C-alpha atoms as a PDB file:
ATOM      1  CA  MET A   1      64.293 133.764 233.847  1.00  0.00           C
ATOM      2  CA  ALA A   2      67.210 133.807 236.508  1.00  0.00           C
ATOM      3  CA  TYR A   3      69.055 137.121 237.550  1.00  0.00           C
ATOM      4  CA  VAL A   4      72.507 137.043 237.709  1.00  0.00           C
ATOM      5  CA  SER A   5      73.947 139.159 240.207  1.00  0.00           C
ATOM      6  CA  GLY A   6      75.173 142.553 238.488  1.00  0.00           C
ATOM      7  CA  LEU A   7      74.027 141.966 235.228  1.00  0.00           C
ATOM      8  CA  ARG A   8      70.176 142.418 235.565  1.00  0.00           C
ATOM      9  CA  SER A   9      67.977 143.686 238.439  1.00  0.00           C
ATOM     10  CA  PRO A  10      64.627 142.106 239.264  1.00  0.00           C
ATOM     11  CA  PRO A  11      61.641 143.856 237.922  1.00  0.00           C
ATOM     12  CA  PRO A  12      59.959 145.928 240.598  1.00  0.00           C
ATOM     13  CA  PRO A  13      57.127 143.936 242.732  1.00  0.00           C
ATOM     14  CA  ARG A  14      53.346 144.532 241.799  1.00  0.00           C
ATOM     15  CA  SER A  15      51.540 146.477 243.860  1.00  0.00           C
ATOM     16  CA  ALA A  16      48.467 144.471 245.457  1.00  0.00           C
ATOM     17  CA  ALA A  17      46.140 147.156 245.051  1.00  0.00           C
ATOM     18  CA  SER A  18      44.677 148.045 241.867  1.00  0.00           C
ATOM     19  CA  SER A  19      44.866 151.476 240.241  1.00  0.00           C
ATOM     20  CA  PRO A  20      42.020 153.342 240.668  1.00  0.00           C
ATOM     21  CA  ARG A  21      40.297 153.512 237.268  1.00  0.00           C
ATOM     22  CA  PRO A  22      37.528 155.548 235.843  1.00  0.00           C
ATOM     23  CA  LYS A  23      33.938 154.126 235.853  1.00  0.00           C
ATOM     24  CA  PHE A  24      31.811 154.449 232.871  1.00  0.00           C
ATOM     25  CA  ASP A  25      28.063 154.137 233.188  1.00  0.00           C
ATOM     26  CA  ALA A  26      27.076 151.568 230.500  1.00  0.00           C
ATOM     27  CA  ASP A  27      23.543 151.711 231.821  1.00  0.00           C
ATOM     28  CA  LEU A  28      22.491 155.255 230.997  1.00  0.00           C
ATOM     29  CA  LEU A  29      24.702 154.923 227.371  1.00  0.00           C
ATOM     30  CA  LYS A  30      22.472 151.913 226.745  1.00  0.00           C
ATOM     31  CA  ALA A  31      19.347 154.166 227.584  1.00  0.00           C
ATOM     32  CA  TYR A  32      20.423 156.658 225.501  1.00  0.00           C
ATOM     33  CA  ILE A  33      21.336 154.240 222.635  1.00  0.00           C
ATOM     34  CA  LYS A  34      17.818 153.192 222.742  1.00  0.00           C
ATOM     35  CA  LYS A  35      15.996 156.372 222.824  1.00  0.00           C
ATOM     36  CA  LEU A  36      18.279 157.901 219.870  1.00  0.00           C
ATOM     37  CA  THR A  37      17.833 155.158 217.653  1.00  0.00           C
ATOM     38  CA  SER A  38      13.944 154.809 218.134  1.00  0.00           C
ATOM     39  CA  SER A  39      13.489 158.391 217.707  1.00  0.00           C
ATOM     40  CA  THR A  40      15.910 158.545 214.706  1.00  0.00           C
ATOM     41  CA  LEU A  41      14.615 155.722 212.705  1.00  0.00           C
ATOM     42  CA  GLN A  42      11.097 155.115 213.962  1.00  0.00           C
ATOM     43  CA  ASN A  43       9.445 156.679 210.732  1.00  0.00           C
ATOM     44  CA  CYS A  44      12.441 156.014 208.231  1.00  0.00           C
ATOM     45  CA  THR A  45      11.777 153.055 205.843  1.00  0.00           C
ATOM     46  CA  TRP A  46      14.504 151.315 203.710  1.00  0.00           C
ATOM     47  CA  PRO A  47      15.422 153.514 200.566  1.00  0.00           C
ATOM     48  CA  GLU A  48      15.187 152.623 197.287  1.00  0.00           C
ATOM     49  CA  GLN A  49      18.555 151.962 195.505  1.00  0.00           C
ATOM     50  CA  LYS A  50      19.310 155.579 194.220  1.00  0.00           C
ATOM     51  CA  GLU A  51      18.902 156.898 197.733  1.00  0.00           C
ATOM     52  CA  LYS A  52      21.113 154.687 199.435  1.00  0.00           C
ATOM     53  CA  GLU A  53      23.195 157.472 200.865  1.00  0.00           C
ATOM     54  CA  ARG A  54      20.250 158.214 203.271  1.00  0.00           C
ATOM     55  CA  VAL A  55      21.384 155.146 205.040  1.00  0.00           C
ATOM     56  CA  LYS A  56      24.801 156.277 205.206  1.00  0.00           C
ATOM     57  CA  GLY A  57      23.645 159.657 206.918  1.00  0.00           C
ATOM     58  CA  TRP A  58      21.782 157.978 209.732  1.00  0.00           C
ATOM     59  CA  ILE A  59      24.756 155.738 210.474  1.00  0.00           C
ATOM     60  CA  LYS A  60      26.901 158.926 210.639  1.00  0.00           C
ATOM     61  CA  GLU A  61      24.476 160.914 212.619  1.00  0.00           C
ATOM     62  CA  ILE A  62      23.825 157.799 215.119  1.00  0.00           C
ATOM     63  CA  SER A  63      27.596 156.924 215.611  1.00  0.00           C
ATOM     64  CA  GLU A  64      28.463 160.696 216.260  1.00  0.00           C
ATOM     65  CA  ARG A  65      25.745 161.383 218.638  1.00  0.00           C
ATOM     66  CA  VAL A  66      26.559 158.440 220.638  1.00  0.00           C
ATOM     67  CA  LYS A  67      30.398 159.117 220.914  1.00  0.00           C
ATOM     68  CA  GLU A  68      29.238 162.604 221.968  1.00  0.00           C
ATOM     69  CA  ARG A  69      27.132 161.217 224.449  1.00  0.00           C
ATOM     70  CA  MET A  70      30.016 159.059 225.642  1.00  0.00           C
ATOM     71  CA  LEU A  71      32.401 162.078 226.092  1.00  0.00           C
ATOM     72  CA  GLU A  72      29.405 163.615 227.983  1.00  0.00           C
ATOM     73  CA  ILE A  73      29.054 160.758 230.313  1.00  0.00           C
ATOM     74  CA  GLN A  74      32.930 160.488 230.991  1.00  0.00           C
ATOM     75  CA  PRO A  75      35.138 162.962 229.170  1.00  0.00           C
ATOM     76  CA  ARG A  76      38.491 161.344 230.285  1.00  0.00           C
ATOM     77  CA  GLY A  77      40.200 158.251 230.844  1.00  0.00           C
ATOM     78  CA  PHE A  78      38.708 155.894 227.963  1.00  0.00           C
ATOM     79  CA  LYS A  79      39.118 155.426 224.136  1.00  0.00           C
ATOM     80  CA  TYR A  80      35.575 155.077 222.503  1.00  0.00           C
ATOM     81  CA  VAL A  81      34.813 153.077 219.659  1.00  0.00           C
ATOM     82  CA  VAL A  82      31.019 153.087 218.118  1.00  0.00           C
ATOM     83  CA  PHE A  83      29.785 150.208 215.384  1.00  0.00           C
ATOM     84  CA  THR A  84      26.728 151.184 213.702  1.00  0.00           C
ATOM     85  CA  GLN A  85      24.859 148.808 210.958  1.00  0.00           C
ATOM     86  CA  ILE A  86      21.640 149.349 209.252  1.00  0.00           C
ATOM     87  CA  ASN A  87      20.318 146.904 206.894  1.00  0.00           C
ATOM     88  CA  GLU A  88      16.994 146.071 205.322  1.00  0.00           C
ATOM     89  CA  ASN A  89      14.499 143.882 207.076  1.00  0.00           C
ATOM     90  CA  ARG A  90      13.124 141.107 205.255  1.00  0.00           C
ATOM     91  CA  GLY A  91      12.118 139.137 208.065  1.00  0.00           C
ATOM     92  CA  GLN A  92      15.555 137.422 208.780  1.00  0.00           C
ATOM     93  CA  GLY A  93      16.296 138.954 212.317  1.00  0.00           C
ATOM     94  CA  GLY A  94      19.457 140.255 213.434  1.00  0.00           C
ATOM     95  CA  ARG A  95      22.051 139.817 216.269  1.00  0.00           C
ATOM     96  CA  ALA A  96      25.119 141.206 216.946  1.00  0.00           C
ATOM     97  CA  ASP A  97      27.494 139.991 219.815  1.00  0.00           C
ATOM     98  CA  ILE A  98      31.158 140.664 220.738  1.00  0.00           C
ATOM     99  CA  VAL A  99      33.775 138.912 222.780  1.00  0.00           C
ATOM    100  CA  CYS A 100      36.958 140.606 224.235  1.00  0.00           C
ATOM    101  CA  HIS A 101      39.416 140.349 226.940  1.00  0.00           C
ATOM    102  CA  TRP A 102      38.480 143.060 229.209  1.00  0.00           C
ATOM    103  CA  GLU A 103      40.036 145.202 231.793  1.00  0.00           C
ATOM    104  CA  ASP A 104      38.009 145.783 234.781  1.00  0.00           C
ATOM    105  CA  GLY A 105      36.920 149.402 233.910  1.00  0.00           C
ATOM    106  CA  ASP A 106      36.126 148.758 230.156  1.00  0.00           C
ATOM    107  CA  VAL A 107      32.392 148.253 229.255  1.00  0.00           C
ATOM    108  CA  VAL A 108      30.240 147.647 226.357  1.00  0.00           C
ATOM    109  CA  ALA A 109      26.692 148.919 225.351  1.00  0.00           C
ATOM    110  CA  GLN A 110      24.776 147.219 222.758  1.00  0.00           C
ATOM    111  CA  GLU A 111      21.314 148.060 221.360  1.00  0.00           C
ATOM    112  CA  MET A 112      19.194 146.873 218.732  1.00  0.00           C
ATOM    113  CA  TYR A 113      16.307 148.701 216.647  1.00  0.00           C
ATOM    114  CA  TYR A 114      14.002 147.678 214.365  1.00  0.00           C
ATOM    115  CA  ASN A 115      10.798 148.380 212.428  1.00  0.00           C
ATOM    116  CA  ASP A 116       8.993 146.641 209.305  1.00  0.00           C
ATOM    117  CA  SER A 117      11.701 148.113 206.795  1.00  0.00           C
ATOM    118  CA  LEU A 118      15.094 148.096 208.793  1.00  0.00           C
ATOM    119  CA  ILE A 119      17.345 146.629 211.409  1.00  0.00           C
ATOM    120  CA  CYS A 120      19.928 148.916 213.132  1.00  0.00           C
ATOM    121  CA  ILE A 121      22.483 147.619 215.432  1.00  0.00           C
ATOM    122  CA  CYS A 122      24.820 149.664 217.422  1.00  0.00           C
ATOM    123  CA  ILE A 123      27.502 148.895 219.580  1.00  0.00           C
ATOM    124  CA  ALA A 124      29.834 151.308 221.919  1.00  0.00           C
ATOM    125  CA  LEU A 125      32.807 150.305 223.372  1.00  0.00           C
ATOM    126  CA  ALA A 126      34.494 152.388 226.410  1.00  0.00           C
ATOM    127  CA  ILE A 127      38.118 151.248 226.847  1.00  0.00           C
ATOM    128  CA  ALA A 128      40.049 152.034 229.716  1.00  0.00           C
END
């Protein structure tokens, strides 16, 4: 776009130096998620139809505790998103992937836990 003198001023030049963004320790969070899912679900079995609310409780507990841990690791400078899914394990396996366009400071921590009865996938995003 051409700039006509007196009508519009050109945009200010971008600084070559990147702004200092906070760093989030994704490895620390991954270790926490792995330990949390294992300790929370190791003795759990897929409930009968009338007890399905137990699964919602597990999902809520894991998600809230992961978010709390994220706030402990880095209390400012990020938006946090936690996805937790628990399904019955019928030998089908499980997989979760996420593709995003990231800024330099954004991170994802992902862990999968399974036993003979259930599969849990937890994905946590820290977005600067």
